[in-house]
Amino acid sequence: MYRLLYPMRTFLIVSGTEEHTNVMTADWVTILSARPFFVGVAISPKRYTWKLIRDHREFVVAVPRDSQVKDVWIAGTKSGKDVKKTEILSLKFIPSKKVKTPSIENALANLECKLIDMRDYGDHTLFVGEVIAYAYDESAFPNGIPNLNAGFLMHNAWNEFFRLAAEKKYMMEE
């Protein structure tokens, strides 16, 4: 039962090009390497995003703000096969620095990825991207450390999200 690993951070995966942009919600995103900086995202072959990443060989991992939770919900429950999500979402898309796939304006961060590998594992494909450029809100990551009160969004269950907050922080001795 994969839900035993929740709550998890939730992300938006942007795929396609400026002319045809799609965005989907994904929790199954992870760091695979620091040097070089590789990230992985597990996506079902049933998803329209799966086809776009395979075809265009790039994607953007966006870190949404808690204020974008309605768009996160829509992006995760509507298919780009059926609707043009850019027309029903309130998200604004901006050109990325190094990939043709747009980034999300006002996201806490955008990581631009070039696809370097994709492998099937069970009912999902793990897309591995090398992060070749990024942009972020400096107030959300002062000195490179996440500000836990910046509005990071967590996914708890099907339709339940919450804002990460530092109610209690544990600082360990080095």
N, C-alpha and C. Protein backbone atom coordinates (compact mmCIF):
# COMPACT_ATOMS: atom_id res chain seq x y z
N MET A 1 0.86 -1.19 0.00
CA MET A 1 0.00 0.00 0.00
C MET A 1 0.89 1.23 0.00
N TYR A 2 1.02 1.87 -1.15
CA TYR A 2 1.93 3.00 -1.30
C TYR A 2 1.55 4.19 -0.43
N ARG A 3 0.31 4.31 0.00
CA ARG A 3 -0.11 5.44 0.84
C ARG A 3 0.58 5.43 2.20
N LEU A 4 1.22 4.34 2.57
CA LEU A 4 1.95 4.31 3.84
C LEU A 4 3.15 5.24 3.81
N LEU A 5 3.55 5.68 2.62
CA LEU A 5 4.68 6.62 2.49
C LEU A 5 4.23 8.08 2.53
N TYR A 6 2.94 8.32 2.61
CA TYR A 6 2.42 9.69 2.67
C TYR A 6 2.41 10.18 4.10
N PRO A 7 2.40 11.49 4.34
CA PRO A 7 2.26 12.60 3.39
C PRO A 7 3.54 12.83 2.60
N MET A 8 3.36 13.40 1.40
CA MET A 8 4.49 13.68 0.52
C MET A 8 4.36 15.10 -0.02
N ARG A 9 5.51 15.66 -0.39
CA ARG A 9 5.48 16.93 -1.12
C ARG A 9 4.80 16.69 -2.45
N THR A 10 4.14 17.69 -2.95
CA THR A 10 3.50 17.57 -4.25
C THR A 10 4.11 18.59 -5.21
N PHE A 11 4.19 18.21 -6.47
CA PHE A 11 4.85 19.02 -7.49
C PHE A 11 3.96 19.13 -8.72
N LEU A 12 4.31 20.04 -9.61
CA LEU A 12 3.66 20.14 -10.90
C LEU A 12 4.70 19.80 -11.96
N ILE A 13 4.35 18.91 -12.86
CA ILE A 13 5.23 18.52 -13.95
C ILE A 13 4.70 19.19 -15.22
N VAL A 14 5.52 20.07 -15.79
CA VAL A 14 5.14 20.76 -17.02
C VAL A 14 5.81 20.03 -18.17
N SER A 15 5.04 19.81 -19.24
CA SER A 15 5.57 19.11 -20.41
C SER A 15 5.05 19.79 -21.67
N GLY A 16 5.64 19.42 -22.79
CA GLY A 16 5.23 19.99 -24.06
C GLY A 16 6.07 21.20 -24.42
N THR A 17 5.49 22.07 -25.23
CA THR A 17 6.18 23.27 -25.71
C THR A 17 5.32 24.49 -25.43
N GLU A 18 5.83 25.67 -25.75
CA GLU A 18 5.04 26.90 -25.57
C GLU A 18 3.71 26.81 -26.31
N GLU A 19 3.74 26.22 -27.52
CA GLU A 19 2.53 26.12 -28.34
C GLU A 19 1.51 25.16 -27.73
N HIS A 20 1.99 24.13 -27.08
CA HIS A 20 1.10 23.15 -26.47
C HIS A 20 1.68 22.68 -25.15
N THR A 21 1.31 23.38 -24.10
CA THR A 21 1.82 23.10 -22.76
C THR A 21 0.81 22.26 -21.98
N ASN A 22 1.31 21.28 -21.27
CA ASN A 22 0.47 20.50 -20.38
C ASN A 22 1.10 20.52 -18.99
N VAL A 23 0.30 20.38 -17.98
CA VAL A 23 0.80 20.33 -16.61
C VAL A 23 0.02 19.26 -15.85
N MET A 24 0.75 18.49 -15.05
CA MET A 24 0.13 17.44 -14.25
C MET A 24 0.70 17.49 -12.84
N THR A 25 -0.09 17.06 -11.89
CA THR A 25 0.34 16.98 -10.50
C THR A 25 1.06 15.65 -10.28
N ALA A 26 2.15 15.68 -9.52
CA ALA A 26 2.90 14.45 -9.22
C ALA A 26 3.49 14.53 -7.83
N ASP A 27 3.32 13.47 -7.09
CA ASP A 27 3.95 13.35 -5.77
C ASP A 27 5.23 12.53 -5.87
N TRP A 28 5.29 11.64 -6.83
CA TRP A 28 6.38 10.68 -6.92
C TRP A 28 7.56 11.28 -7.67
N VAL A 29 8.20 12.24 -7.02
CA VAL A 29 9.36 12.96 -7.55
C VAL A 29 10.49 12.82 -6.53
N THR A 30 11.71 12.55 -7.02
CA THR A 30 12.81 12.36 -6.08
C THR A 30 14.14 12.79 -6.68
N ILE A 31 15.07 13.14 -5.83
CA ILE A 31 16.45 13.42 -6.24
C ILE A 31 17.14 12.08 -6.44
N LEU A 32 17.84 11.93 -7.55
CA LEU A 32 18.57 10.70 -7.83
C LEU A 32 20.08 10.88 -7.72
N SER A 33 20.57 12.11 -7.94
CA SER A 33 22.00 12.40 -7.86
C SER A 33 22.17 13.90 -7.63
N ALA A 34 23.18 14.25 -6.85
CA ALA A 34 23.50 15.67 -6.63
C ALA A 34 24.45 16.20 -7.70
N ARG A 35 25.44 15.36 -8.09
CA ARG A 35 26.43 15.77 -9.10
C ARG A 35 26.66 14.61 -10.07
N PRO A 36 26.13 14.65 -11.25
CA PRO A 36 25.26 15.71 -11.78
C PRO A 36 23.88 15.65 -11.11
N PHE A 37 23.17 16.75 -11.22
CA PHE A 37 21.86 16.88 -10.57
C PHE A 37 20.81 16.17 -11.42
N PHE A 38 20.38 14.99 -10.96
CA PHE A 38 19.36 14.20 -11.63
C PHE A 38 18.14 14.11 -10.73
N VAL A 39 16.96 14.22 -11.34
CA VAL A 39 15.71 13.99 -10.62
C VAL A 39 14.93 12.92 -11.37
N GLY A 40 14.10 12.22 -10.64
CA GLY A 40 13.24 11.21 -11.24
C GLY A 40 11.80 11.51 -10.92
N VAL A 41 10.93 11.21 -11.88
CA VAL A 41 9.49 11.34 -11.66
C VAL A 41 8.82 10.11 -12.25
N ALA A 42 7.97 9.47 -11.46
CA ALA A 42 7.26 8.28 -11.89
C ALA A 42 5.90 8.70 -12.45
N ILE A 43 5.64 8.30 -13.71
CA ILE A 43 4.40 8.69 -14.38
C ILE A 43 3.82 7.46 -15.07
N SER A 44 2.52 7.30 -14.96
CA SER A 44 1.84 6.19 -15.62
C SER A 44 1.79 6.43 -17.13
N PRO A 45 1.99 5.38 -17.92
CA PRO A 45 1.87 5.51 -19.38
C PRO A 45 0.47 5.93 -19.83
N LYS A 46 -0.51 5.86 -18.95
CA LYS A 46 -1.86 6.31 -19.27
C LYS A 46 -1.97 7.83 -19.33
N ARG A 47 -1.01 8.52 -18.76
CA ARG A 47 -1.06 9.98 -18.65
C ARG A 47 -0.56 10.65 -19.93
N TYR A 48 -1.20 11.74 -20.28
CA TYR A 48 -0.81 12.53 -21.45
C TYR A 48 0.60 13.08 -21.27
N THR A 49 0.97 13.45 -20.06
CA THR A 49 2.32 13.95 -19.75
C THR A 49 3.38 12.92 -20.14
N TRP A 50 3.08 11.65 -19.94
CA TRP A 50 4.01 10.57 -20.29
C TRP A 50 4.39 10.68 -21.76
N LYS A 51 3.40 10.83 -22.63
CA LYS A 51 3.63 10.94 -24.07
C LYS A 51 4.43 12.20 -24.40
N LEU A 52 4.09 13.32 -23.80
CA LEU A 52 4.78 14.58 -24.09
C LEU A 52 6.24 14.54 -23.67
N ILE A 53 6.53 13.97 -22.51
CA ILE A 53 7.93 13.88 -22.08
C ILE A 53 8.70 12.95 -23.01
N ARG A 54 8.10 11.81 -23.33
CA ARG A 54 8.77 10.88 -24.25
C ARG A 54 9.06 11.55 -25.59
N ASP A 55 8.09 12.27 -26.14
CA ASP A 55 8.23 12.89 -27.46
C ASP A 55 9.18 14.09 -27.48
N HIS A 56 9.12 14.94 -26.45
CA HIS A 56 9.90 16.18 -26.44
C HIS A 56 11.22 16.06 -25.69
N ARG A 57 11.37 14.99 -24.89
CA ARG A 57 12.64 14.68 -24.22
C ARG A 57 13.06 15.75 -23.19
N GLU A 58 12.09 16.43 -22.62
CA GLU A 58 12.37 17.42 -21.58
C GLU A 58 11.10 17.66 -20.76
N PHE A 59 11.28 18.27 -19.58
CA PHE A 59 10.15 18.61 -18.72
C PHE A 59 10.63 19.59 -17.66
N VAL A 60 9.69 20.19 -16.95
CA VAL A 60 9.98 21.10 -15.86
C VAL A 60 9.29 20.57 -14.61
N VAL A 61 10.04 20.50 -13.51
CA VAL A 61 9.46 20.18 -12.21
C VAL A 61 9.26 21.50 -11.50
N ALA A 62 8.00 21.85 -11.24
CA ALA A 62 7.68 23.11 -10.55
C ALA A 62 7.25 22.80 -9.13
N VAL A 63 7.71 23.62 -8.20
CA VAL A 63 7.34 23.49 -6.79
C VAL A 63 6.23 24.51 -6.54
N PRO A 64 4.98 24.05 -6.42
CA PRO A 64 3.88 24.99 -6.27
C PRO A 64 3.81 25.58 -4.86
N ARG A 65 3.19 26.74 -4.79
CA ARG A 65 2.88 27.37 -3.50
C ARG A 65 1.55 26.82 -2.99
N ASP A 66 1.34 26.90 -1.70
CA ASP A 66 0.06 26.45 -1.16
C ASP A 66 -1.10 27.26 -1.72
N SER A 67 -0.86 28.50 -2.12
CA SER A 67 -1.93 29.32 -2.71
C SER A 67 -2.34 28.80 -4.10
N GLN A 68 -1.57 27.89 -4.67
CA GLN A 68 -1.88 27.32 -5.98
C GLN A 68 -2.56 25.96 -5.87
N VAL A 69 -3.08 25.62 -4.70
CA VAL A 69 -3.63 24.29 -4.45
C VAL A 69 -4.81 23.97 -5.37
N LYS A 70 -5.65 24.93 -5.72
CA LYS A 70 -6.77 24.63 -6.63
C LYS A 70 -6.25 24.22 -7.99
N ASP A 71 -5.20 24.88 -8.47
CA ASP A 71 -4.60 24.49 -9.75
C ASP A 71 -3.92 23.13 -9.65
N VAL A 72 -3.31 22.84 -8.52
CA VAL A 72 -2.69 21.52 -8.30
C VAL A 72 -3.76 20.44 -8.40
N TRP A 73 -4.91 20.70 -7.79
CA TRP A 73 -6.01 19.73 -7.82
C TRP A 73 -6.51 19.52 -9.26
N ILE A 74 -6.75 20.61 -9.97
CA ILE A 74 -7.24 20.51 -11.35
C ILE A 74 -6.22 19.80 -12.24
N ALA A 75 -4.95 20.18 -12.10
CA ALA A 75 -3.89 19.57 -12.92
C ALA A 75 -3.77 18.07 -12.67
N GLY A 76 -4.16 17.64 -11.48
CA GLY A 76 -4.08 16.22 -11.14
C GLY A 76 -5.34 15.42 -11.42
N THR A 77 -6.44 16.10 -11.70
CA THR A 77 -7.71 15.38 -11.91
C THR A 77 -8.27 15.53 -13.32
N LYS A 78 -7.74 16.40 -14.11
CA LYS A 78 -8.16 16.57 -15.52
C LYS A 78 -7.04 16.07 -16.42
N SER A 79 -7.41 15.47 -17.54
CA SER A 79 -6.41 14.96 -18.47
C SER A 79 -6.18 15.95 -19.60
N GLY A 80 -4.92 16.13 -19.95
CA GLY A 80 -4.56 16.97 -21.09
C GLY A 80 -5.02 16.38 -22.41
N LYS A 81 -5.40 15.10 -22.40
CA LYS A 81 -5.97 14.49 -23.60
C LYS A 81 -7.36 15.07 -23.88
N ASP A 82 -8.06 15.44 -22.81
CA ASP A 82 -9.45 15.88 -22.91
C ASP A 82 -9.63 17.39 -22.91
N VAL A 83 -8.77 18.11 -22.19
CA VAL A 83 -8.90 19.57 -22.08
C VAL A 83 -7.53 20.23 -22.20
N LYS A 84 -7.53 21.46 -22.66
CA LYS A 84 -6.30 22.24 -22.69
C LYS A 84 -6.18 22.89 -21.32
N LYS A 85 -5.36 22.32 -20.49
CA LYS A 85 -5.29 22.76 -19.09
C LYS A 85 -4.88 24.21 -18.95
N THR A 86 -4.06 24.71 -19.85
CA THR A 86 -3.63 26.11 -19.75
C THR A 86 -4.81 27.07 -19.83
N GLU A 87 -5.93 26.61 -20.39
CA GLU A 87 -7.12 27.46 -20.50
C GLU A 87 -8.01 27.38 -19.27
N ILE A 88 -7.85 26.36 -18.44
CA ILE A 88 -8.71 26.23 -17.25
C ILE A 88 -7.96 26.47 -15.95
N LEU A 89 -6.65 26.58 -16.02
CA LEU A 89 -5.85 26.84 -14.81
C LEU A 89 -5.58 28.34 -14.69
N SER A 90 -5.41 28.80 -13.48
CA SER A 90 -5.04 30.21 -13.29
C SER A 90 -3.53 30.40 -13.31
N LEU A 91 -2.78 29.31 -13.48
CA LEU A 91 -1.32 29.41 -13.55
C LEU A 91 -0.90 30.22 -14.77
N LYS A 92 0.18 30.97 -14.62
CA LYS A 92 0.78 31.69 -15.75
C LYS A 92 2.09 31.01 -16.09
N PHE A 93 2.32 30.83 -17.38
CA PHE A 93 3.52 30.16 -17.84
C PHE A 93 4.47 31.18 -18.44
N ILE A 94 5.77 30.96 -18.19
CA ILE A 94 6.81 31.86 -18.67
C ILE A 94 7.87 31.02 -19.40
N PRO A 95 8.63 31.64 -20.29
CA PRO A 95 9.69 30.88 -20.96
C PRO A 95 10.72 30.38 -19.95
N SER A 96 11.17 29.18 -20.17
CA SER A 96 12.26 28.63 -19.35
C SER A 96 13.58 29.14 -19.89
N LYS A 97 14.65 28.96 -19.12
CA LYS A 97 15.97 29.43 -19.51
C LYS A 97 16.60 28.58 -20.60
N LYS A 98 16.49 27.23 -20.48
CA LYS A 98 17.24 26.35 -21.39
C LYS A 98 16.42 25.28 -22.08
N VAL A 99 15.16 25.11 -21.71
CA VAL A 99 14.32 24.12 -22.38
C VAL A 99 13.14 24.83 -23.03
N LYS A 100 12.52 24.16 -23.99
CA LYS A 100 11.37 24.74 -24.68
C LYS A 100 10.09 24.62 -23.86
N THR A 101 10.08 23.71 -22.91
CA THR A 101 8.93 23.57 -22.02
C THR A 101 8.86 24.78 -21.10
N PRO A 102 7.70 25.44 -21.01
CA PRO A 102 7.60 26.61 -20.13
C PRO A 102 7.71 26.27 -18.65
N SER A 103 8.03 27.28 -17.86
CA SER A 103 8.04 27.18 -16.41
C SER A 103 6.79 27.86 -15.87
N ILE A 104 6.53 27.70 -14.59
CA ILE A 104 5.36 28.30 -13.96
C ILE A 104 5.78 29.55 -13.21
N GLU A 105 5.21 30.68 -13.62
CA GLU A 105 5.47 31.94 -12.94
C GLU A 105 4.93 31.84 -11.52
N ASN A 106 5.64 32.38 -10.59
CA ASN A 106 5.23 32.45 -9.19
C ASN A 106 5.29 31.10 -8.46
N ALA A 107 5.88 30.09 -9.08
CA ALA A 107 6.12 28.84 -8.34
C ALA A 107 7.27 29.11 -7.37
N LEU A 108 7.38 28.31 -6.33
CA LEU A 108 8.50 28.46 -5.41
C LEU A 108 9.81 28.14 -6.10
N ALA A 109 9.76 27.21 -7.06
CA ALA A 109 10.95 26.85 -7.84
C ALA A 109 10.52 26.17 -9.13
N ASN A 110 11.37 26.27 -10.15
CA ASN A 110 11.21 25.55 -11.42
C ASN A 110 12.54 24.91 -11.75
N LEU A 111 12.54 23.61 -11.99
CA LEU A 111 13.75 22.88 -12.37
C LEU A 111 13.57 22.39 -13.80
N GLU A 112 14.43 22.87 -14.69
CA GLU A 112 14.36 22.52 -16.10
C GLU A 112 15.18 21.26 -16.34
N CYS A 113 14.54 20.25 -16.93
CA CYS A 113 15.17 18.94 -17.06
C CYS A 113 15.22 18.46 -18.50
N LYS A 114 16.37 17.92 -18.87
CA LYS A 114 16.54 17.20 -20.13
C LYS A 114 16.44 15.72 -19.81
N LEU A 115 15.61 15.01 -20.56
CA LEU A 115 15.42 13.58 -20.32
C LEU A 115 16.69 12.82 -20.67
N ILE A 116 17.17 12.00 -19.71
CA ILE A 116 18.36 11.20 -19.98
C ILE A 116 18.07 9.70 -19.95
N ASP A 117 16.93 9.32 -19.36
CA ASP A 117 16.59 7.91 -19.30
C ASP A 117 15.12 7.77 -18.95
N MET A 118 14.55 6.66 -19.37
CA MET A 118 13.19 6.30 -18.95
C MET A 118 13.11 4.79 -18.90
N ARG A 119 12.58 4.28 -17.78
CA ARG A 119 12.48 2.82 -17.60
C ARG A 119 11.15 2.51 -16.92
N ASP A 120 10.58 1.40 -17.35
CA ASP A 120 9.32 0.96 -16.77
C ASP A 120 9.58 0.15 -15.51
N TYR A 121 8.79 0.47 -14.49
CA TYR A 121 8.80 -0.28 -13.24
C TYR A 121 7.34 -0.50 -12.86
N GLY A 122 6.87 -1.73 -13.02
CA GLY A 122 5.47 -2.01 -12.72
C GLY A 122 4.55 -1.20 -13.61
N ASP A 123 3.62 -0.49 -13.00
CA ASP A 123 2.63 0.27 -13.77
C ASP A 123 3.03 1.72 -14.04
N HIS A 124 4.28 2.09 -13.76
CA HIS A 124 4.77 3.45 -14.00
C HIS A 124 6.11 3.42 -14.74
N THR A 125 6.41 4.54 -15.36
CA THR A 125 7.71 4.75 -15.99
C THR A 125 8.46 5.77 -15.15
N LEU A 126 9.71 5.48 -14.83
CA LEU A 126 10.55 6.44 -14.14
C LEU A 126 11.28 7.25 -15.21
N PHE A 127 10.95 8.54 -15.29
CA PHE A 127 11.64 9.47 -16.19
C PHE A 127 12.77 10.10 -15.39
N VAL A 128 13.98 10.02 -15.90
CA VAL A 128 15.13 10.61 -15.24
C VAL A 128 15.54 11.83 -16.04
N GLY A 129 15.61 12.96 -15.37
CA GLY A 129 16.00 14.20 -16.03
C GLY A 129 17.22 14.80 -15.38
N GLU A 130 18.10 15.34 -16.21
CA GLU A 130 19.22 16.12 -15.69
C GLU A 130 18.76 17.56 -15.58
N VAL A 131 18.89 18.14 -14.40
CA VAL A 131 18.49 19.53 -14.20
C VAL A 131 19.58 20.40 -14.83
N ILE A 132 19.20 21.11 -15.89
CA ILE A 132 20.18 21.92 -16.62
C ILE A 132 20.01 23.42 -16.35
N ALA A 133 18.93 23.79 -15.70
CA ALA A 133 18.72 25.18 -15.29
C ALA A 133 17.61 25.18 -14.23
N TYR A 134 17.58 26.24 -13.45
CA TYR A 134 16.55 26.36 -12.43
C TYR A 134 16.36 27.82 -12.07
N ALA A 135 15.22 28.09 -11.47
CA ALA A 135 14.90 29.42 -10.94
C ALA A 135 14.10 29.19 -9.67
N TYR A 136 14.23 30.10 -8.71
CA TYR A 136 13.51 29.92 -7.46
C TYR A 136 13.27 31.25 -6.77
N ASP A 137 12.30 31.25 -5.88
CA ASP A 137 11.99 32.40 -5.05
C ASP A 137 13.01 32.41 -3.91
N GLU A 138 13.85 33.42 -3.87
CA GLU A 138 14.92 33.46 -2.86
C GLU A 138 14.39 33.50 -1.44
N SER A 139 13.20 34.05 -1.24
CA SER A 139 12.64 34.08 0.12
C SER A 139 12.20 32.68 0.56
N ALA A 140 11.98 31.77 -0.39
CA ALA A 140 11.60 30.40 -0.05
C ALA A 140 12.81 29.52 0.25
N PHE A 141 13.99 29.97 -0.22
CA PHE A 141 15.22 29.19 -0.03
C PHE A 141 16.38 30.10 0.40
N PRO A 142 16.24 30.82 1.52
CA PRO A 142 17.35 31.70 1.94
C PRO A 142 18.60 30.87 2.25
N ASN A 143 19.72 31.29 1.72
CA ASN A 143 20.99 30.59 1.91
C ASN A 143 20.91 29.12 1.48
N GLY A 144 20.02 28.83 0.52
CA GLY A 144 19.90 27.48 0.00
C GLY A 144 19.14 26.50 0.90
N ILE A 145 18.55 27.01 1.96
CA ILE A 145 17.81 26.17 2.91
C ILE A 145 16.32 26.51 2.81
N PRO A 146 15.45 25.51 2.63
CA PRO A 146 14.03 25.81 2.53
C PRO A 146 13.49 26.54 3.76
N ASN A 147 12.75 27.61 3.51
CA ASN A 147 12.04 28.33 4.55
C ASN A 147 10.71 27.59 4.74
N LEU A 148 10.57 26.89 5.83
CA LEU A 148 9.41 26.02 6.03
C LEU A 148 8.09 26.79 6.13
N ASN A 149 8.15 28.09 6.21
CA ASN A 149 6.94 28.90 6.24
C ASN A 149 6.67 29.58 4.89
N ALA A 150 7.33 29.12 3.84
CA ALA A 150 7.19 29.74 2.51
C ALA A 150 5.93 29.29 1.78
N GLY A 151 5.27 28.24 2.24
CA GLY A 151 4.06 27.78 1.59
C GLY A 151 4.24 26.52 0.77
N PHE A 152 5.14 25.63 1.20
CA PHE A 152 5.31 24.35 0.52
C PHE A 152 4.04 23.52 0.69
N LEU A 153 3.63 22.87 -0.37
CA LEU A 153 2.38 22.13 -0.37
C LEU A 153 2.65 20.64 -0.18
N MET A 154 1.89 20.04 0.70
CA MET A 154 2.00 18.60 0.99
C MET A 154 0.69 17.93 0.58
N HIS A 155 0.80 16.68 0.13
CA HIS A 155 -0.37 15.89 -0.24
C HIS A 155 -0.50 14.78 0.78
N ASN A 156 -1.67 14.68 1.38
CA ASN A 156 -1.89 13.70 2.43
C ASN A 156 -2.70 12.50 1.94
N ALA A 157 -3.76 12.75 1.21
CA ALA A 157 -4.63 11.70 0.70
C ALA A 157 -5.29 12.23 -0.57
N TRP A 158 -6.15 11.44 -1.18
CA TRP A 158 -6.74 11.76 -2.48
C TRP A 158 -7.02 13.26 -2.66
N ASN A 159 -7.88 13.86 -1.86
CA ASN A 159 -8.25 15.27 -2.04
C ASN A 159 -7.84 16.13 -0.85
N GLU A 160 -6.84 15.68 -0.09
CA GLU A 160 -6.44 16.38 1.12
C GLU A 160 -5.00 16.86 0.99
N PHE A 161 -4.84 18.18 1.06
CA PHE A 161 -3.54 18.82 0.99
C PHE A 161 -3.36 19.68 2.23
N PHE A 162 -2.13 19.99 2.56
CA PHE A 162 -1.89 20.93 3.66
C PHE A 162 -0.59 21.68 3.40
N ARG A 163 -0.46 22.79 4.10
CA ARG A 163 0.73 23.62 3.99
C ARG A 163 1.75 23.14 5.01
N LEU A 164 2.97 22.92 4.54
CA LEU A 164 4.05 22.55 5.44
C LEU A 164 4.37 23.76 6.32
N ALA A 165 4.45 23.54 7.60
CA ALA A 165 4.77 24.62 8.53
C ALA A 165 5.70 24.08 9.61
N ALA A 166 6.62 24.91 10.03
CA ALA A 166 7.59 24.51 11.04
C ALA A 166 7.02 24.79 12.42
N GLU A 167 6.13 23.91 12.85
CA GLU A 167 5.56 24.05 14.18
C GLU A 167 6.62 23.76 15.24
N LYS A 168 7.42 22.75 14.96
CA LYS A 168 8.52 22.41 15.85
C LYS A 168 9.68 21.97 14.97
N LYS A 169 10.82 22.51 15.20
CA LYS A 169 12.00 22.16 14.42
C LYS A 169 13.02 21.51 15.34
N TYR A 170 13.59 20.42 14.86
CA TYR A 170 14.60 19.70 15.63
C TYR A 170 15.97 20.01 15.03
N MET A 171 16.84 20.59 15.79
CA MET A 171 18.18 20.90 15.34
C MET A 171 19.15 19.94 16.03
N MET A 172 19.86 19.17 15.24
CA MET A 172 20.77 18.17 15.76
C MET A 172 22.19 18.75 15.85
N GLU A 173 22.93 18.25 16.80
CA GLU A 173 24.35 18.62 16.93
C GLU A 173 25.12 17.93 15.84
N GLU A 174 26.10 18.61 15.28
CA GLU A 174 26.93 17.97 14.24
C GLU A 174 28.07 17.22 14.84
